[in-house]
Amino acid sequence: MKKIVAGAFFAVTAFAAPAMAWEGQVVACYDKVWVPASYEYSKKLIMAGHKEWEYKNGQMVKVWYPPVYKEIEHMTQPGHYIARKAPCRS
């Protein structure tokens, strides 16, 4: 019985010793950082610029209406996490 207990104790310490003896060295530390999505914008012509005659204050007036555009948003890269190097906290 003593031999079995001693053998079991020896086996447990023999397998656990390498794990307990390991003392690693910290090389670098990183933080998890969120990078928001990036977008590209373009515009689409809705109504071209034009001139019109209008009657205002008893006289004819030539009025300039500028072009009208619609802004279109295209996602170029979705939001994601990156690992950014940071100072190590004890």
N, C-alpha and C. Protein backbone atom coordinates (compact mmCIF):
# COMPACT_ATOMS: atom_id res chain seq x y z
N MET A 1 0.83 -1.19 0.00
CA MET A 1 0.00 0.00 0.00
C MET A 1 0.87 1.25 0.00
N LYS A 2 1.95 1.23 0.84
CA LYS A 2 2.83 2.38 0.89
C LYS A 2 3.54 2.59 -0.45
N LYS A 3 3.85 1.47 -1.11
CA LYS A 3 4.52 1.57 -2.40
C LYS A 3 3.60 2.20 -3.45
N ILE A 4 2.32 1.88 -3.39
CA ILE A 4 1.35 2.43 -4.36
C ILE A 4 1.19 3.92 -4.13
N VAL A 5 1.05 4.33 -2.86
CA VAL A 5 0.89 5.75 -2.54
C VAL A 5 2.16 6.51 -2.92
N ALA A 6 3.31 5.95 -2.62
CA ALA A 6 4.58 6.60 -2.94
C ALA A 6 4.74 6.70 -4.46
N GLY A 7 4.38 5.65 -5.17
CA GLY A 7 4.47 5.65 -6.64
C GLY A 7 3.52 6.68 -7.25
N ALA A 8 2.30 6.79 -6.70
CA ALA A 8 1.34 7.78 -7.20
C ALA A 8 1.85 9.19 -6.93
N PHE A 9 2.41 9.41 -5.75
CA PHE A 9 2.95 10.73 -5.40
C PHE A 9 4.10 11.09 -6.34
N PHE A 10 4.97 10.12 -6.60
CA PHE A 10 6.10 10.36 -7.50
C PHE A 10 5.62 10.66 -8.92
N ALA A 11 4.62 9.94 -9.37
CA ALA A 11 4.10 10.15 -10.73
C ALA A 11 3.47 11.54 -10.87
N VAL A 12 2.70 11.95 -9.85
CA VAL A 12 2.05 13.27 -9.90
C VAL A 12 3.10 14.38 -9.88
N THR A 13 4.08 14.28 -9.02
CA THR A 13 5.11 15.33 -8.95
C THR A 13 6.00 15.31 -10.19
N ALA A 14 6.23 14.16 -10.77
CA ALA A 14 7.07 14.08 -11.97
C ALA A 14 6.39 14.78 -13.15
N PHE A 15 5.09 14.61 -13.29
CA PHE A 15 4.37 15.24 -14.40
C PHE A 15 4.09 16.72 -14.15
N ALA A 16 3.94 17.12 -12.90
CA ALA A 16 3.62 18.50 -12.57
C ALA A 16 4.86 19.38 -12.48
N ALA A 17 6.03 18.79 -12.26
CA ALA A 17 7.25 19.57 -12.07
C ALA A 17 7.59 20.46 -13.27
N PRO A 18 7.52 19.96 -14.50
CA PRO A 18 7.84 20.85 -15.63
C PRO A 18 6.87 22.03 -15.72
N ALA A 19 5.61 21.82 -15.41
CA ALA A 19 4.64 22.90 -15.48
C ALA A 19 4.89 23.93 -14.38
N MET A 20 5.28 23.50 -13.21
CA MET A 20 5.53 24.42 -12.11
C MET A 20 6.86 25.15 -12.30
N ALA A 21 7.83 24.54 -12.95
CA ALA A 21 9.15 25.12 -13.09
C ALA A 21 9.19 26.17 -14.19
N TRP A 22 8.22 26.22 -15.08
CA TRP A 22 8.24 27.16 -16.21
C TRP A 22 8.00 28.57 -15.72
N GLU A 23 8.91 29.45 -16.01
CA GLU A 23 8.77 30.86 -15.69
C GLU A 23 9.01 31.62 -16.97
N GLY A 24 7.93 31.93 -17.68
CA GLY A 24 8.04 32.62 -18.96
C GLY A 24 8.38 34.09 -18.77
N GLN A 25 8.81 34.70 -19.85
CA GLN A 25 9.18 36.10 -19.84
C GLN A 25 8.20 36.85 -20.74
N VAL A 26 7.64 37.95 -20.25
CA VAL A 26 6.70 38.74 -21.04
C VAL A 26 7.49 39.46 -22.13
N VAL A 27 7.05 39.27 -23.37
CA VAL A 27 7.75 39.87 -24.50
C VAL A 27 7.04 41.15 -24.96
N ALA A 28 5.71 41.09 -25.09
CA ALA A 28 4.94 42.27 -25.53
C ALA A 28 3.52 42.13 -25.04
N CYS A 29 2.84 43.27 -24.91
CA CYS A 29 1.44 43.28 -24.48
C CYS A 29 0.61 44.02 -25.54
N TYR A 30 -0.61 43.56 -25.73
CA TYR A 30 -1.50 44.14 -26.74
C TYR A 30 -2.88 44.37 -26.15
N ASP A 31 -3.55 45.43 -26.58
CA ASP A 31 -4.92 45.71 -26.20
C ASP A 31 -5.82 45.48 -27.40
N LYS A 32 -7.05 45.09 -27.13
CA LYS A 32 -8.04 44.89 -28.18
C LYS A 32 -8.71 46.24 -28.44
N VAL A 33 -8.59 46.75 -29.67
CA VAL A 33 -9.08 48.09 -30.02
C VAL A 33 -10.08 47.99 -31.16
N TRP A 34 -11.22 48.68 -31.02
CA TRP A 34 -12.26 48.69 -32.05
C TRP A 34 -11.94 49.76 -33.09
N VAL A 35 -11.94 49.37 -34.35
CA VAL A 35 -11.74 50.30 -35.46
C VAL A 35 -13.09 50.43 -36.16
N PRO A 36 -13.67 51.65 -36.19
CA PRO A 36 -14.98 51.80 -36.82
C PRO A 36 -14.92 51.57 -38.33
N ALA A 37 -16.09 51.36 -38.91
CA ALA A 37 -16.18 51.12 -40.34
C ALA A 37 -15.72 52.36 -41.11
N SER A 38 -15.15 52.12 -42.29
CA SER A 38 -14.75 53.25 -43.14
C SER A 38 -15.67 53.29 -44.36
N TYR A 39 -15.98 54.51 -44.79
CA TYR A 39 -16.93 54.71 -45.88
C TYR A 39 -16.31 55.55 -46.98
N GLU A 40 -16.84 55.36 -48.17
CA GLU A 40 -16.48 56.17 -49.33
C GLU A 40 -17.75 56.84 -49.80
N TYR A 41 -17.65 58.11 -50.14
CA TYR A 41 -18.84 58.86 -50.53
C TYR A 41 -18.76 59.26 -52.00
N SER A 42 -19.91 59.22 -52.66
CA SER A 42 -20.01 59.70 -54.02
C SER A 42 -21.32 60.48 -54.13
N LYS A 43 -21.50 61.17 -55.24
CA LYS A 43 -22.73 61.93 -55.38
C LYS A 43 -23.38 61.61 -56.72
N LYS A 44 -24.71 61.67 -56.70
CA LYS A 44 -25.50 61.38 -57.89
C LYS A 44 -26.34 62.63 -58.21
N LEU A 45 -26.31 63.03 -59.46
CA LEU A 45 -27.05 64.21 -59.88
C LEU A 45 -28.54 63.90 -59.91
N ILE A 46 -29.32 64.66 -59.16
CA ILE A 46 -30.77 64.50 -59.12
C ILE A 46 -31.43 65.49 -60.08
N MET A 47 -31.00 66.76 -60.02
CA MET A 47 -31.56 67.77 -60.91
C MET A 47 -30.43 68.71 -61.34
N ALA A 48 -30.27 68.90 -62.63
CA ALA A 48 -29.22 69.75 -63.16
C ALA A 48 -29.51 71.22 -62.82
N GLY A 49 -28.44 72.01 -62.77
CA GLY A 49 -28.61 73.44 -62.54
C GLY A 49 -29.30 74.07 -63.76
N HIS A 50 -30.14 75.05 -63.50
CA HIS A 50 -30.86 75.68 -64.61
C HIS A 50 -31.26 77.11 -64.25
N LYS A 51 -31.64 77.87 -65.30
CA LYS A 51 -32.10 79.25 -65.11
C LYS A 51 -33.57 79.31 -65.50
N GLU A 52 -34.31 80.12 -64.77
CA GLU A 52 -35.75 80.29 -65.06
C GLU A 52 -36.10 81.76 -64.96
N TRP A 53 -37.06 82.15 -65.77
CA TRP A 53 -37.62 83.50 -65.67
C TRP A 53 -38.77 83.45 -64.69
N GLU A 54 -38.76 84.40 -63.73
CA GLU A 54 -39.85 84.49 -62.76
C GLU A 54 -40.31 85.94 -62.66
N TYR A 55 -41.55 86.08 -62.29
CA TYR A 55 -42.14 87.41 -62.13
C TYR A 55 -42.11 87.74 -60.64
N LYS A 56 -41.27 88.76 -60.26
CA LYS A 56 -41.16 89.16 -58.85
C LYS A 56 -41.18 90.68 -58.76
N ASN A 57 -41.98 91.20 -57.83
CA ASN A 57 -42.06 92.63 -57.55
C ASN A 57 -42.32 93.48 -58.80
N GLY A 58 -43.16 92.99 -59.66
CA GLY A 58 -43.57 93.73 -60.84
C GLY A 58 -42.58 93.71 -61.98
N GLN A 59 -41.58 92.83 -61.93
CA GLN A 59 -40.64 92.75 -63.04
C GLN A 59 -40.24 91.31 -63.30
N MET A 60 -39.72 91.06 -64.47
CA MET A 60 -39.24 89.73 -64.83
C MET A 60 -37.80 89.59 -64.34
N VAL A 61 -37.52 88.47 -63.66
CA VAL A 61 -36.19 88.23 -63.08
C VAL A 61 -35.71 86.86 -63.55
N LYS A 62 -34.44 86.82 -63.98
CA LYS A 62 -33.85 85.54 -64.35
C LYS A 62 -33.19 84.96 -63.10
N VAL A 63 -33.62 83.76 -62.67
CA VAL A 63 -33.16 83.15 -61.42
C VAL A 63 -32.35 81.90 -61.75
N TRP A 64 -31.21 81.75 -61.08
CA TRP A 64 -30.35 80.57 -61.24
C TRP A 64 -30.62 79.59 -60.11
N TYR A 65 -30.97 78.35 -60.46
CA TYR A 65 -31.15 77.28 -59.49
C TYR A 65 -29.96 76.33 -59.62
N PRO A 66 -29.19 76.15 -58.55
CA PRO A 66 -28.00 75.29 -58.63
C PRO A 66 -28.39 73.82 -58.76
N PRO A 67 -27.45 72.98 -59.18
CA PRO A 67 -27.75 71.55 -59.31
C PRO A 67 -28.01 70.92 -57.93
N VAL A 68 -28.79 69.85 -57.93
CA VAL A 68 -29.12 69.13 -56.70
C VAL A 68 -28.51 67.74 -56.81
N TYR A 69 -27.73 67.37 -55.79
CA TYR A 69 -27.07 66.07 -55.75
C TYR A 69 -27.55 65.27 -54.55
N LYS A 70 -27.49 63.94 -54.69
CA LYS A 70 -27.77 63.05 -53.57
C LYS A 70 -26.45 62.38 -53.20
N GLU A 71 -26.10 62.41 -51.92
CA GLU A 71 -24.87 61.78 -51.46
C GLU A 71 -25.11 60.30 -51.23
N ILE A 72 -24.22 59.48 -51.80
CA ILE A 72 -24.34 58.02 -51.67
C ILE A 72 -23.15 57.53 -50.85
N GLU A 73 -23.44 56.69 -49.87
CA GLU A 73 -22.44 56.20 -48.94
C GLU A 73 -22.16 54.72 -49.23
N HIS A 74 -20.88 54.38 -49.44
CA HIS A 74 -20.47 53.00 -49.69
C HIS A 74 -19.52 52.57 -48.58
N MET A 75 -19.80 51.45 -47.93
CA MET A 75 -18.91 50.95 -46.88
C MET A 75 -17.73 50.25 -47.56
N THR A 76 -16.51 50.74 -47.30
CA THR A 76 -15.32 50.14 -47.89
C THR A 76 -14.74 49.04 -47.00
N GLN A 77 -14.91 49.20 -45.68
CA GLN A 77 -14.39 48.20 -44.76
C GLN A 77 -15.26 48.19 -43.50
N PRO A 78 -15.81 47.05 -43.13
CA PRO A 78 -16.65 47.02 -41.93
C PRO A 78 -15.82 47.22 -40.66
N GLY A 79 -16.49 47.56 -39.57
CA GLY A 79 -15.82 47.75 -38.30
C GLY A 79 -15.23 46.43 -37.82
N HIS A 80 -14.09 46.50 -37.13
CA HIS A 80 -13.42 45.29 -36.68
C HIS A 80 -12.50 45.62 -35.50
N TYR A 81 -12.03 44.59 -34.84
CA TYR A 81 -11.08 44.74 -33.74
C TYR A 81 -9.68 44.48 -34.26
N ILE A 82 -8.71 45.21 -33.69
CA ILE A 82 -7.30 44.94 -33.99
C ILE A 82 -6.55 44.85 -32.66
N ALA A 83 -5.37 44.26 -32.72
CA ALA A 83 -4.50 44.19 -31.54
C ALA A 83 -3.48 45.31 -31.67
N ARG A 84 -3.49 46.24 -30.73
CA ARG A 84 -2.57 47.38 -30.75
C ARG A 84 -1.60 47.24 -29.59
N LYS A 85 -0.33 47.41 -29.87
CA LYS A 85 0.70 47.27 -28.84
C LYS A 85 0.47 48.32 -27.75
N ALA A 86 0.59 47.88 -26.49
CA ALA A 86 0.32 48.76 -25.35
C ALA A 86 1.32 48.44 -24.24
N PRO A 87 1.47 49.38 -23.31
CA PRO A 87 2.34 49.09 -22.18
C PRO A 87 1.76 47.96 -21.31
N CYS A 88 2.60 47.14 -20.79
CA CYS A 88 2.15 45.99 -20.00
C CYS A 88 1.71 46.45 -18.61
N ARG A 89 0.61 45.91 -18.16
CA ARG A 89 0.13 46.15 -16.80
C ARG A 89 0.60 44.97 -15.95
N SER A 90 1.09 45.24 -14.79
CA SER A 90 1.67 44.20 -13.94
C SER A 90 0.77 43.04 -13.85
